[in-house]
Amino acid sequence: MQPKTLNFFDKVYEVAKLIPYGRVTSYGAIATYLGAARSARMVGYAMNGSVSKDVPAHRVVNRKGLLTGKQHFEGTNLMQQLLESEGVTVIDNQIQDFKKVFWNPLKEL
């Protein structure tokens, strides 16, 4: 019996689980790491469906540091609250010092 191969969403979840506490990455950075550079939107779809999978989806934002996935979290500011509890500053749905807290899986894995 051959080992089960992971589908794209599962691969996205595995990468997202590696994002360190207090850091963020982008949909595009995960897509690029997985060899699918033009699939940032698919990474977003994966994050939307990750609620019950123990994935820190709050750490995945758009390429400009905007909390574009916040509507998929319960409550109006849960994504921001989770990030702020990790020491990430968010003002007007924008991560401050984005380059400083950005985690690039291509460079750090």
C-alpha atoms as a PDB file:
ATOM      1  CA  MET A   1       0.000   0.000   0.000  1.00  0.00           C
ATOM      2  CA  GLN A   2       1.397   3.384  -1.016  1.00  0.00           C
ATOM      3  CA  PRO A   3       1.372   6.341   1.380  1.00  0.00           C
ATOM      4  CA  LYS A   4      -1.432   8.802   0.762  1.00  0.00           C
ATOM      5  CA  THR A   5      -0.300  11.855  -1.158  1.00  0.00           C
ATOM      6  CA  LEU A   6      -1.377  15.193   0.241  1.00  0.00           C
ATOM      7  CA  ASN A   7      -3.721  17.336  -1.810  1.00  0.00           C
ATOM      8  CA  PHE A   8      -2.970  21.024  -2.343  1.00  0.00           C
ATOM      9  CA  PHE A   9      -5.073  22.203   0.614  1.00  0.00           C
ATOM     10  CA  ASP A  10      -3.346  19.721   2.942  1.00  0.00           C
ATOM     11  CA  LYS A  11       0.047  20.978   1.764  1.00  0.00           C
ATOM     12  CA  VAL A  12      -1.078  24.559   2.456  1.00  0.00           C
ATOM     13  CA  TYR A  13      -2.128  23.542   5.983  1.00  0.00           C
ATOM     14  CA  GLU A  14       1.214  21.853   6.626  1.00  0.00           C
ATOM     15  CA  VAL A  15       3.111  25.019   5.658  1.00  0.00           C
ATOM     16  CA  ALA A  16       0.756  27.281   7.635  1.00  0.00           C
ATOM     17  CA  LYS A  17       1.319  25.167  10.751  1.00  0.00           C
ATOM     18  CA  LEU A  18       5.027  26.051  10.520  1.00  0.00           C
ATOM     19  CA  ILE A  19       4.526  29.831  10.677  1.00  0.00           C
ATOM     20  CA  PRO A  20       6.186  30.893  13.925  1.00  0.00           C
ATOM     21  CA  TYR A  21       4.260  32.573  16.743  1.00  0.00           C
ATOM     22  CA  GLY A  22       4.283  36.346  16.241  1.00  0.00           C
ATOM     23  CA  ARG A  23       5.056  36.128  12.524  1.00  0.00           C
ATOM     24  CA  VAL A  24       2.906  36.265   9.382  1.00  0.00           C
ATOM     25  CA  THR A  25       3.191  35.158   5.784  1.00  0.00           C
ATOM     26  CA  SER A  26       1.207  35.754   2.622  1.00  0.00           C
ATOM     27  CA  TYR A  27      -1.009  33.592   0.467  1.00  0.00           C
ATOM     28  CA  GLY A  28       1.450  34.091  -2.383  1.00  0.00           C
ATOM     29  CA  ALA A  29       4.490  33.115  -0.318  1.00  0.00           C
ATOM     30  CA  ILE A  30       2.857  29.800   0.567  1.00  0.00           C
ATOM     31  CA  ALA A  31       1.811  29.226  -3.060  1.00  0.00           C
ATOM     32  CA  THR A  32       5.336  29.969  -4.294  1.00  0.00           C
ATOM     33  CA  TYR A  33       6.850  27.654  -1.700  1.00  0.00           C
ATOM     34  CA  LEU A  34       4.561  24.872  -2.908  1.00  0.00           C
ATOM     35  CA  GLY A  35       5.671  25.429  -6.511  1.00  0.00           C
ATOM     36  CA  ALA A  36       2.371  26.997  -7.551  1.00  0.00           C
ATOM     37  CA  ALA A  37       3.270  30.684  -7.627  1.00  0.00           C
ATOM     38  CA  ARG A  38       0.057  31.686  -9.388  1.00  0.00           C
ATOM     39  CA  SER A  39      -2.175  29.931  -6.867  1.00  0.00           C
ATOM     40  CA  ALA A  40      -2.360  32.514  -4.076  1.00  0.00           C
ATOM     41  CA  ARG A  41      -6.136  32.565  -4.387  1.00  0.00           C
ATOM     42  CA  MET A  42      -6.269  28.778  -3.885  1.00  0.00           C
ATOM     43  CA  VAL A  43      -4.223  29.231  -0.710  1.00  0.00           C
ATOM     44  CA  GLY A  44      -6.878  31.718   0.392  1.00  0.00           C
ATOM     45  CA  TYR A  45      -9.610  29.176  -0.288  1.00  0.00           C
ATOM     46  CA  ALA A  46      -7.676  26.651   1.782  1.00  0.00           C
ATOM     47  CA  MET A  47      -7.400  29.121   4.663  1.00  0.00           C
ATOM     48  CA  ASN A  48     -11.152  29.746   4.497  1.00  0.00           C
ATOM     49  CA  GLY A  49     -11.744  26.048   5.087  1.00  0.00           C
ATOM     50  CA  SER A  50      -9.138  25.549   7.800  1.00  0.00           C
ATOM     51  CA  VAL A  51     -11.230  26.450  10.847  1.00  0.00           C
ATOM     52  CA  SER A  52     -11.492  22.935  12.282  1.00  0.00           C
ATOM     53  CA  LYS A  53      -8.002  21.815  11.245  1.00  0.00           C
ATOM     54  CA  ASP A  54      -5.856  23.449  13.954  1.00  0.00           C
ATOM     55  CA  VAL A  55      -4.239  25.761  11.397  1.00  0.00           C
ATOM     56  CA  PRO A  56      -3.097  29.269  12.451  1.00  0.00           C
ATOM     57  CA  ALA A  57      -4.913  30.881   9.522  1.00  0.00           C
ATOM     58  CA  HIS A  58      -4.769  34.268  11.265  1.00  0.00           C
ATOM     59  CA  ARG A  59      -1.054  34.360  10.379  1.00  0.00           C
ATOM     60  CA  VAL A  60      -1.745  34.348   6.630  1.00  0.00           C
ATOM     61  CA  VAL A  61      -2.478  37.728   5.048  1.00  0.00           C
ATOM     62  CA  ASN A  62      -2.287  39.303   1.612  1.00  0.00           C
ATOM     63  CA  ARG A  63       0.968  40.463   0.023  1.00  0.00           C
ATOM     64  CA  LYS A  64       0.531  43.975   1.425  1.00  0.00           C
ATOM     65  CA  GLY A  65      -0.099  42.838   4.994  1.00  0.00           C
ATOM     66  CA  LEU A  66      -3.851  43.394   4.918  1.00  0.00           C
ATOM     67  CA  LEU A  67      -6.189  41.158   6.920  1.00  0.00           C
ATOM     68  CA  THR A  68      -8.195  40.142   3.875  1.00  0.00           C
ATOM     69  CA  GLY A  69      -9.400  36.868   5.403  1.00  0.00           C
ATOM     70  CA  LYS A  70     -10.839  38.365   8.580  1.00  0.00           C
ATOM     71  CA  GLN A  71     -14.469  37.768   7.553  1.00  0.00           C
ATOM     72  CA  HIS A  72     -13.853  34.013   7.884  1.00  0.00           C
ATOM     73  CA  PHE A  73     -13.189  34.291  11.617  1.00  0.00           C
ATOM     74  CA  GLU A  74     -15.924  34.353  14.229  1.00  0.00           C
ATOM     75  CA  GLY A  75     -16.495  37.818  15.632  1.00  0.00           C
ATOM     76  CA  THR A  76     -15.646  41.046  13.923  1.00  0.00           C
ATOM     77  CA  ASN A  77     -12.021  41.402  15.057  1.00  0.00           C
ATOM     78  CA  LEU A  78     -10.900  37.880  15.981  1.00  0.00           C
ATOM     79  CA  MET A  79      -8.128  37.717  13.371  1.00  0.00           C
ATOM     80  CA  GLN A  80      -6.708  41.031  14.576  1.00  0.00           C
ATOM     81  CA  GLN A  81      -7.070  40.002  18.226  1.00  0.00           C
ATOM     82  CA  LEU A  82      -5.208  36.740  17.621  1.00  0.00           C
ATOM     83  CA  LEU A  83      -2.372  38.555  15.871  1.00  0.00           C
ATOM     84  CA  GLU A  84      -2.166  41.236  18.557  1.00  0.00           C
ATOM     85  CA  SER A  85      -2.068  38.554  21.260  1.00  0.00           C
ATOM     86  CA  GLU A  86       1.125  37.364  19.533  1.00  0.00           C
ATOM     87  CA  GLY A  87       2.649  40.844  19.530  1.00  0.00           C
ATOM     88  CA  VAL A  88       1.794  41.784  15.928  1.00  0.00           C
ATOM     89  CA  THR A  89       0.557  45.375  15.636  1.00  0.00           C
ATOM     90  CA  VAL A  90      -2.483  45.900  13.400  1.00  0.00           C
ATOM     91  CA  ILE A  91      -3.943  49.311  12.558  1.00  0.00           C
ATOM     92  CA  ASP A  92      -6.920  49.661  10.181  1.00  0.00           C
ATOM     93  CA  ASN A  93      -6.628  45.996   9.110  1.00  0.00           C
ATOM     94  CA  GLN A  94      -2.984  46.575   8.138  1.00  0.00           C
ATOM     95  CA  ILE A  95      -0.050  44.830   9.792  1.00  0.00           C
ATOM     96  CA  GLN A  96       2.515  47.357  10.941  1.00  0.00           C
ATOM     97  CA  ASP A  97       6.221  46.588  10.399  1.00  0.00           C
ATOM     98  CA  PHE A  98       5.096  43.986   7.857  1.00  0.00           C
ATOM     99  CA  LYS A  99       8.616  43.310   6.541  1.00  0.00           C
ATOM    100  CA  LYS A 100       9.868  42.787  10.081  1.00  0.00           C
ATOM    101  CA  VAL A 101       7.252  40.161  11.013  1.00  0.00           C
ATOM    102  CA  PHE A 102       7.028  38.552   7.549  1.00  0.00           C
ATOM    103  CA  TRP A 103       8.004  34.882   7.428  1.00  0.00           C
ATOM    104  CA  ASN A 104       9.055  33.573   4.026  1.00  0.00           C
ATOM    105  CA  PRO A 105       8.885  29.762   3.840  1.00  0.00           C
ATOM    106  CA  LEU A 106      11.276  29.749   0.848  1.00  0.00           C
ATOM    107  CA  LYS A 107      13.990  31.330   2.973  1.00  0.00           C
ATOM    108  CA  GLU A 108      13.212  29.819   6.359  1.00  0.00           C
ATOM    109  CA  LEU A 109      12.352  26.188   5.623  1.00  0.00           C
END
